[in-house]
């Protein structure tokens, strides 16, 4: 193996996870904590991988869908694909009423910090790079509890002229497997086929 392609991820224990259920913080290049995000960060994990951004894809479901949007839109120079599935990207007012507002307080501390780190804000901030360099997908479902923010993100990206794929799975709720199975491979695989093609083109250079 080529040891020059190996990069390590520093793991830290924490009692205040940023996303999902994990209590392990992974610091990406020392830039930001992310926990419970359902991703493989190619080039950053302790294995031999392709190190170009086209080889790093991030996808997440529910709170991890929020995390995928947060990290992918904040660091478009790191990720070639961003896929948000049933993303729990609700606004500040929703989270104030969730769990008595305690998770919001632990994770963000203030409304200002929440808004600055919200996927919508980050998409606006980095729209130019996302518009030309990133493959973006939003998947949700007809009865998803987070349907509204997914539709709002779709409208926002349309307004920012950021190319993306948007899909709603009919007849299902907040269920990762059901969303994929209902939409079918003919609709869900093209994103990755296009991503592989981009990666092949970059690798040939």
Protein backbone atom coordinates (compact mmCIF):
# COMPACT_ATOMS: atom_id res chain seq x y z
CA UNK A 1 0.00 0.00 0.00
CA UNK A 2 1.07 3.59 -0.51
CA UNK A 3 1.51 4.98 2.99
CA UNK A 4 1.43 8.52 1.66
CA UNK A 5 -2.29 8.06 1.02
CA UNK A 6 -3.01 7.09 4.61
CA UNK A 7 -4.49 9.77 6.85
CA UNK A 8 -5.68 9.27 10.38
CA UNK A 9 -8.82 10.49 12.05
CA UNK A 10 -8.44 11.72 15.61
CA UNK A 11 -11.30 10.47 17.79
CA UNK A 12 -12.37 12.07 21.05
CA UNK A 13 -14.94 11.11 23.66
CA UNK A 14 -17.65 13.63 24.32
CA UNK A 15 -20.96 13.77 26.15
CA UNK A 16 -22.48 16.28 23.73
CA UNK A 17 -22.74 14.69 20.27
CA UNK A 18 -23.42 17.07 17.41
CA UNK A 19 -25.46 14.72 15.27
CA UNK A 20 -27.17 11.40 15.76
CA UNK A 21 -26.60 8.93 18.58
CA UNK A 22 -22.84 8.45 18.67
CA UNK A 23 -20.74 9.83 21.51
CA UNK A 24 -17.58 9.84 19.45
CA UNK A 25 -16.43 13.09 17.88
CA UNK A 26 -14.45 12.81 14.68
CA UNK A 27 -12.50 15.93 13.90
CA UNK A 28 -12.16 16.36 10.17
CA UNK A 29 -8.75 17.86 9.48
CA UNK A 30 -9.14 19.64 12.84
CA UNK A 31 -11.88 21.77 11.32
CA UNK A 32 -15.14 20.66 12.85
CA UNK A 33 -16.68 17.95 15.06
CA UNK A 34 -19.12 15.51 13.48
CA UNK A 35 -20.77 12.56 15.20
CA UNK A 36 -23.11 9.87 14.06
CA UNK A 37 -22.89 11.01 10.46
CA UNK A 38 -23.44 8.04 8.18
CA UNK A 39 -20.49 8.68 5.91
CA UNK A 40 -17.18 7.33 4.71
CA UNK A 41 -14.76 10.23 4.47
CA UNK A 42 -12.46 8.99 1.72
CA UNK A 43 -8.93 10.20 2.15
CA UNK A 44 -9.38 10.92 5.85
CA UNK A 45 -10.01 7.45 7.25
CA UNK A 46 -7.05 5.23 8.25
CA UNK A 47 -7.11 3.25 4.98
CA UNK A 48 -5.60 3.74 1.53
CA UNK A 49 -8.04 5.79 -0.56
CA UNK A 50 -8.36 8.27 -3.38
CA UNK A 51 -7.60 11.67 -1.89
CA UNK A 52 -9.30 14.02 -4.38
CA UNK A 53 -12.52 15.69 -3.29
CA UNK A 54 -14.35 13.83 -6.06
CA UNK A 55 -13.60 10.68 -4.06
CA UNK A 56 -15.26 11.96 -0.88
CA UNK A 57 -19.02 11.49 -0.72
CA UNK A 58 -21.18 12.33 2.27
CA UNK A 59 -24.70 11.04 2.88
CA UNK A 60 -26.90 11.04 5.97
CA UNK A 61 -30.43 10.30 7.12
CA UNK A 62 -32.53 12.41 9.52
CA UNK A 63 -30.18 14.27 11.91
CA UNK A 64 -27.33 12.75 9.97
CA UNK A 65 -28.96 14.23 6.86
CA UNK A 66 -28.64 17.60 8.59
CA UNK A 67 -25.02 16.72 9.29
CA UNK A 68 -24.37 15.81 5.66
CA UNK A 69 -25.75 19.17 4.55
CA UNK A 70 -23.85 21.04 7.24
CA UNK A 71 -20.47 19.49 6.42
CA UNK A 72 -20.96 19.18 2.67
CA UNK A 73 -22.14 22.77 2.22
CA UNK A 74 -19.61 24.20 4.69
CA UNK A 75 -16.63 22.45 3.11
CA UNK A 76 -17.38 22.06 -0.62
CA UNK A 77 -13.64 21.90 -1.23
CA UNK A 78 -13.61 18.56 0.65
CA UNK A 79 -16.70 16.76 -0.69
CA UNK A 80 -17.70 15.91 -4.25
CA UNK A 81 -21.14 14.50 -3.38
CA UNK A 82 -23.67 15.65 -0.76
CA UNK A 83 -26.77 13.51 -0.23
CA UNK A 84 -29.36 14.56 2.39
CA UNK A 85 -32.08 12.00 3.09
CA UNK A 86 -35.13 13.05 5.16
CA UNK A 87 -32.88 15.76 6.58
CA UNK A 88 -33.95 17.15 9.96
CA UNK A 89 -32.92 20.65 8.91
CA UNK A 90 -35.70 22.39 10.82
CA UNK A 91 -35.32 26.01 11.86
CA UNK A 92 -34.40 27.44 15.24
CA UNK A 93 -37.99 27.81 16.47
CA UNK A 94 -38.62 24.08 16.06
CA UNK A 95 -35.56 23.10 18.07
CA UNK A 96 -36.40 25.54 20.86
CA UNK A 97 -39.44 23.38 21.55
CA UNK A 98 -37.67 20.04 21.10
CA UNK A 99 -36.60 18.37 24.33
CA UNK A 100 -37.23 21.55 26.23
CA UNK A 101 -34.59 23.26 24.12
CA UNK A 102 -31.81 21.40 25.94
CA UNK A 103 -30.20 19.72 22.85
CA UNK A 104 -30.16 23.10 21.10
CA UNK A 105 -28.47 24.72 24.08
CA UNK A 106 -25.84 21.99 24.43
CA UNK A 107 -24.95 21.84 20.74
CA UNK A 108 -25.16 25.47 19.61
CA UNK A 109 -25.49 27.65 22.69
CA UNK A 110 -26.99 30.61 20.86
CA UNK A 111 -29.35 31.36 18.01
CA UNK A 112 -26.55 33.19 16.21
CA UNK A 113 -24.35 30.08 16.21
CA UNK A 114 -27.28 27.89 15.15
CA UNK A 115 -28.12 30.09 12.17
CA UNK A 116 -24.47 30.39 11.11
CA UNK A 117 -24.10 26.59 10.99
CA UNK A 118 -27.45 25.72 9.43
CA UNK A 119 -27.23 23.97 6.04
CA UNK A 120 -29.41 26.66 4.44
CA UNK A 121 -27.02 29.42 5.54
CA UNK A 122 -23.98 27.47 4.41
CA UNK A 123 -25.52 26.72 1.00
CA UNK A 124 -26.04 30.45 0.47
CA UNK A 125 -22.53 31.26 1.67
CA UNK A 126 -20.81 28.75 -0.62
CA UNK A 127 -23.27 28.76 -3.50
CA UNK A 128 -20.68 29.55 -6.15
CA UNK A 129 -18.50 26.52 -5.43
CA UNK A 130 -21.50 24.24 -4.87
CA UNK A 131 -22.95 25.42 -8.15
CA UNK A 132 -20.00 24.23 -10.20
CA UNK A 133 -18.22 21.50 -8.27
CA UNK A 134 -20.63 19.44 -6.13
CA UNK A 135 -23.25 16.80 -6.90
CA UNK A 136 -26.16 17.45 -4.52
CA UNK A 137 -29.17 15.22 -3.84
CA UNK A 138 -32.19 15.64 -1.58
CA UNK A 139 -34.40 12.62 -0.90
CA UNK A 140 -37.47 12.64 1.32
CA UNK A 141 -40.87 10.96 1.57
CA UNK A 142 -44.54 11.85 1.36
CA UNK A 143 -45.23 11.30 5.06
CA UNK A 144 -41.83 12.26 6.40
CA UNK A 145 -41.83 14.29 9.61
CA UNK A 146 -39.05 16.36 8.04
CA UNK A 147 -40.74 16.85 4.66
CA UNK A 148 -41.08 20.63 5.06
CA UNK A 149 -37.36 21.44 5.47
CA UNK A 150 -36.48 19.10 2.61
CA UNK A 151 -38.85 20.99 0.33
CA UNK A 152 -37.51 24.30 1.63
CA UNK A 153 -33.95 23.22 0.89
CA UNK A 154 -35.01 22.18 -2.61
CA UNK A 155 -36.57 25.63 -3.18
CA UNK A 156 -33.50 27.36 -1.76
CA UNK A 157 -31.11 25.50 -4.04
CA UNK A 158 -33.36 26.27 -7.01
CA UNK A 159 -33.23 29.95 -6.07
CA UNK A 160 -29.45 29.84 -5.74
CA UNK A 161 -29.17 28.01 -9.08
CA UNK A 162 -27.33 25.12 -7.46
CA UNK A 163 -27.95 22.00 -9.60
CA UNK A 164 -29.37 19.15 -7.56
CA UNK A 165 -31.66 16.15 -7.65
CA UNK A 166 -34.85 16.19 -5.57
CA UNK A 167 -37.05 13.15 -4.96
CA UNK A 168 -40.05 12.35 -2.75
CA UNK A 169 -40.93 8.71 -2.08
CA UNK A 170 -44.73 8.27 -2.13
CA UNK A 171 -46.62 6.49 0.64
CA UNK A 172 -43.79 6.13 3.18
CA UNK A 173 -42.63 7.99 6.27
CA UNK A 174 -39.36 8.73 8.04
CA UNK A 175 -37.68 5.48 7.03
CA UNK A 176 -34.28 5.30 5.31
CA UNK A 177 -34.72 1.82 3.84
CA UNK A 178 -38.29 2.46 2.69
CA UNK A 179 -37.28 5.66 0.91
CA UNK A 180 -34.58 3.87 -1.08
CA UNK A 181 -36.74 0.83 -1.85
CA UNK A 182 -39.78 2.91 -2.87
CA UNK A 183 -37.84 5.20 -5.20
CA UNK A 184 -35.98 2.24 -6.68
CA UNK A 185 -32.46 1.83 -7.97
CA UNK A 186 -33.28 3.36 -11.33
CA UNK A 187 -33.79 6.70 -9.56
CA UNK A 188 -31.28 6.46 -6.73
CA UNK A 189 -28.21 5.00 -8.48
CA UNK A 190 -27.63 7.67 -11.19
CA UNK A 191 -26.10 10.06 -8.64
CA UNK A 192 -23.38 7.57 -7.79
CA UNK A 193 -22.90 6.57 -11.43
CA UNK A 194 -22.26 10.22 -12.26
CA UNK A 195 -19.97 10.57 -9.25
CA UNK A 196 -17.91 7.56 -10.34
CA UNK A 197 -17.63 9.01 -13.84
CA UNK A 198 -16.33 12.32 -12.45
CA UNK A 199 -13.87 10.43 -10.28
CA UNK A 200 -12.60 8.42 -13.25
CA UNK A 201 -12.08 11.64 -15.24
CA UNK A 202 -10.11 13.22 -12.41
CA UNK A 203 -8.02 10.08 -11.86
CA UNK A 204 -6.97 10.06 -15.51
CA UNK A 205 -5.35 13.50 -15.23
